[in-house]
Each structure stands twice: as C-alpha cells, then as structure tokens.
Amino acid sequence: MTQTIAAGPLTAADRCDRCGAQAYVRATMTSGYDLLLCAHHFRENEDRLREVAVSIYDESERLAEVPPTAALEER
C-alpha cells in the first residue's frame, strides 16, 4: 500500500500492489493508505473492497480505449 499524497489520475508508473501490473484502481482505506490494483485483482476482491474502502477510484474503462497510434495503423 502507498500513502495518499494527492489522488490524481493513475499513470503507467502506478503498479498493482498484488502483481506489479499497471494499476487501474485506487482503493483508499480508512488508514489513509491507498491500495493500487490492476483490473483483474480489483474484480477478484471488489465485493470486500467496497465494504472496507473509504473511496474507490476506478479507471479500468481505459482498458477498452484504442490508443491513437493503433487507430492510425488500422487504416
């Protein structure tokens, strides 16, 4: 877990605390610490996290986006 400094958008440098993959979800605990999770590990633990987390910031919808360079290559 990482301590909350400023809750901004997640970046490629934010890594899942469970497996090290890119984090797409930040769950803030009552202790003030953040738990960063990849989409897989968030879904695996979502029910319990929703019970104990103060807030959940979920950017997993970004996984469905097509990067601009990939869209150009398809043409």
C-alpha atoms as a PDB file:
ATOM      1  CA  MET A   1       0.000   0.000   0.000  1.00  0.00           C
ATOM      2  CA  THR A   2       1.112   3.527  -0.709  1.00  0.00           C
ATOM      3  CA  GLN A   3       0.275   6.572   1.380  1.00  0.00           C
ATOM      4  CA  THR A   4      -2.165   9.024  -0.181  1.00  0.00           C
ATOM      5  CA  ILE A   5      -0.450  12.267  -1.165  1.00  0.00           C
ATOM      6  CA  ALA A   6      -2.618  13.606  -3.965  1.00  0.00           C
ATOM      7  CA  ALA A   7      -5.331  11.499  -5.534  1.00  0.00           C
ATOM      8  CA  GLY A   8      -4.895  12.308  -9.213  1.00  0.00           C
ATOM      9  CA  PRO A   9      -5.254  10.148 -12.303  1.00  0.00           C
ATOM     10  CA  LEU A  10      -3.348   6.875 -12.322  1.00  0.00           C
ATOM     11  CA  THR A  11      -0.343   6.653 -14.652  1.00  0.00           C
ATOM     12  CA  ALA A  12       1.720   3.845 -16.154  1.00  0.00           C
ATOM     13  CA  ALA A  13       4.099   4.278 -13.203  1.00  0.00           C
ATOM     14  CA  ASP A  14       1.343   3.210 -10.768  1.00  0.00           C
ATOM     15  CA  ARG A  15       1.671  -0.534 -10.239  1.00  0.00           C
ATOM     16  CA  CYS A  16      -0.650  -3.142  -8.734  1.00  0.00           C
ATOM     17  CA  ASP A  17       0.306  -3.890  -5.130  1.00  0.00           C
ATOM     18  CA  ARG A  18      -0.560  -7.554  -5.717  1.00  0.00           C
ATOM     19  CA  CYS A  19       1.185  -8.449  -9.006  1.00  0.00           C
ATOM     20  CA  GLY A  20       3.046  -5.382 -10.316  1.00  0.00           C
ATOM     21  CA  ALA A  21       0.903  -4.892 -13.437  1.00  0.00           C
ATOM     22  CA  GLN A  22      -0.314  -1.398 -14.297  1.00  0.00           C
ATOM     23  CA  ALA A  23      -2.826  -0.195 -11.708  1.00  0.00           C
ATOM     24  CA  TYR A  24      -6.226   0.973 -12.896  1.00  0.00           C
ATOM     25  CA  VAL A  25      -7.947   1.151  -9.491  1.00  0.00           C
ATOM     26  CA  ARG A  26      -7.084   3.057  -6.315  1.00  0.00           C
ATOM     27  CA  ALA A  27      -8.893   1.996  -3.134  1.00  0.00           C
ATOM     28  CA  THR A  28      -8.351   4.411  -0.248  1.00  0.00           C
ATOM     29  CA  MET A  29      -8.544   2.781   3.167  1.00  0.00           C
ATOM     30  CA  THR A  30      -9.624   4.377   6.456  1.00  0.00           C
ATOM     31  CA  SER A  31      -5.949   4.420   7.480  1.00  0.00           C
ATOM     32  CA  GLY A  32      -5.290   6.960   4.701  1.00  0.00           C
ATOM     33  CA  TYR A  33      -3.267   4.496   2.648  1.00  0.00           C
ATOM     34  CA  ASP A  34      -4.069   3.600  -0.956  1.00  0.00           C
ATOM     35  CA  LEU A  35      -4.248   0.103  -2.331  1.00  0.00           C
ATOM     36  CA  LEU A  36      -3.402   0.123  -6.056  1.00  0.00           C
ATOM     37  CA  LEU A  37      -4.780  -2.746  -8.099  1.00  0.00           C
ATOM     38  CA  CYS A  38      -4.860  -3.944 -11.691  1.00  0.00           C
ATOM     39  CA  ALA A  39      -8.349  -4.528 -13.087  1.00  0.00           C
ATOM     40  CA  HIS A  40      -8.055  -8.297 -12.557  1.00  0.00           C
ATOM     41  CA  HIS A  41      -7.177  -8.102  -8.871  1.00  0.00           C
ATOM     42  CA  PHE A  42      -9.768  -5.401  -8.259  1.00  0.00           C
ATOM     43  CA  ARG A  43     -12.541  -7.539  -9.780  1.00  0.00           C
ATOM     44  CA  GLU A  44     -11.311 -10.515  -7.761  1.00  0.00           C
ATOM     45  CA  ASN A  45     -11.634  -8.516  -4.493  1.00  0.00           C
ATOM     46  CA  GLU A  46     -14.254  -5.912  -5.394  1.00  0.00           C
ATOM     47  CA  ASP A  47     -17.018  -7.027  -3.036  1.00  0.00           C
ATOM     48  CA  ARG A  48     -14.811  -6.888   0.068  1.00  0.00           C
ATOM     49  CA  LEU A  49     -13.091  -3.662  -1.009  1.00  0.00           C
ATOM     50  CA  ARG A  50     -16.458  -1.942  -1.414  1.00  0.00           C
ATOM     51  CA  GLU A  51     -17.202  -2.888   2.216  1.00  0.00           C
ATOM     52  CA  VAL A  52     -13.951  -1.571   3.722  1.00  0.00           C
ATOM     53  CA  ALA A  53     -12.625   1.198   1.454  1.00  0.00           C
ATOM     54  CA  VAL A  54     -13.388   4.867   2.079  1.00  0.00           C
ATOM     55  CA  SER A  55     -13.310   5.535  -1.659  1.00  0.00           C
ATOM     56  CA  ILE A  56     -12.594   3.665  -4.878  1.00  0.00           C
ATOM     57  CA  TYR A  57     -11.226   5.409  -7.962  1.00  0.00           C
ATOM     58  CA  ASP A  58     -11.672   3.125 -10.983  1.00  0.00           C
ATOM     59  CA  GLU A  59     -10.075   3.848 -14.376  1.00  0.00           C
ATOM     60  CA  SER A  60     -10.458   0.316 -15.742  1.00  0.00           C
ATOM     61  CA  GLU A  61     -12.629   1.609 -18.610  1.00  0.00           C
ATOM     62  CA  ARG A  62      -9.349   2.849 -20.125  1.00  0.00           C
ATOM     63  CA  LEU A  63      -8.556  -0.771 -20.988  1.00  0.00           C
ATOM     64  CA  ALA A  64     -11.194  -0.653 -23.744  1.00  0.00           C
ATOM     65  CA  GLU A  65      -9.771   2.504 -25.351  1.00  0.00           C
ATOM     66  CA  VAL A  66      -7.851   2.277 -28.626  1.00  0.00           C
ATOM     67  CA  PRO A  67      -4.573   4.214 -28.449  1.00  0.00           C
ATOM     68  CA  PRO A  68      -4.341   6.970 -31.116  1.00  0.00           C
ATOM     69  CA  THR A  69      -1.357   5.327 -32.824  1.00  0.00           C
ATOM     70  CA  ALA A  70      -3.188   1.991 -33.082  1.00  0.00           C
ATOM     71  CA  ALA A  71      -6.173   3.694 -34.700  1.00  0.00           C
ATOM     72  CA  LEU A  72      -3.889   5.186 -37.370  1.00  0.00           C
ATOM     73  CA  GLU A  73      -2.259   1.818 -38.093  1.00  0.00           C
ATOM     74  CA  GLU A  74      -5.652   0.199 -38.806  1.00  0.00           C
ATOM     75  CA  ARG A  75      -6.331   2.496 -41.771  1.00  0.00           C
END
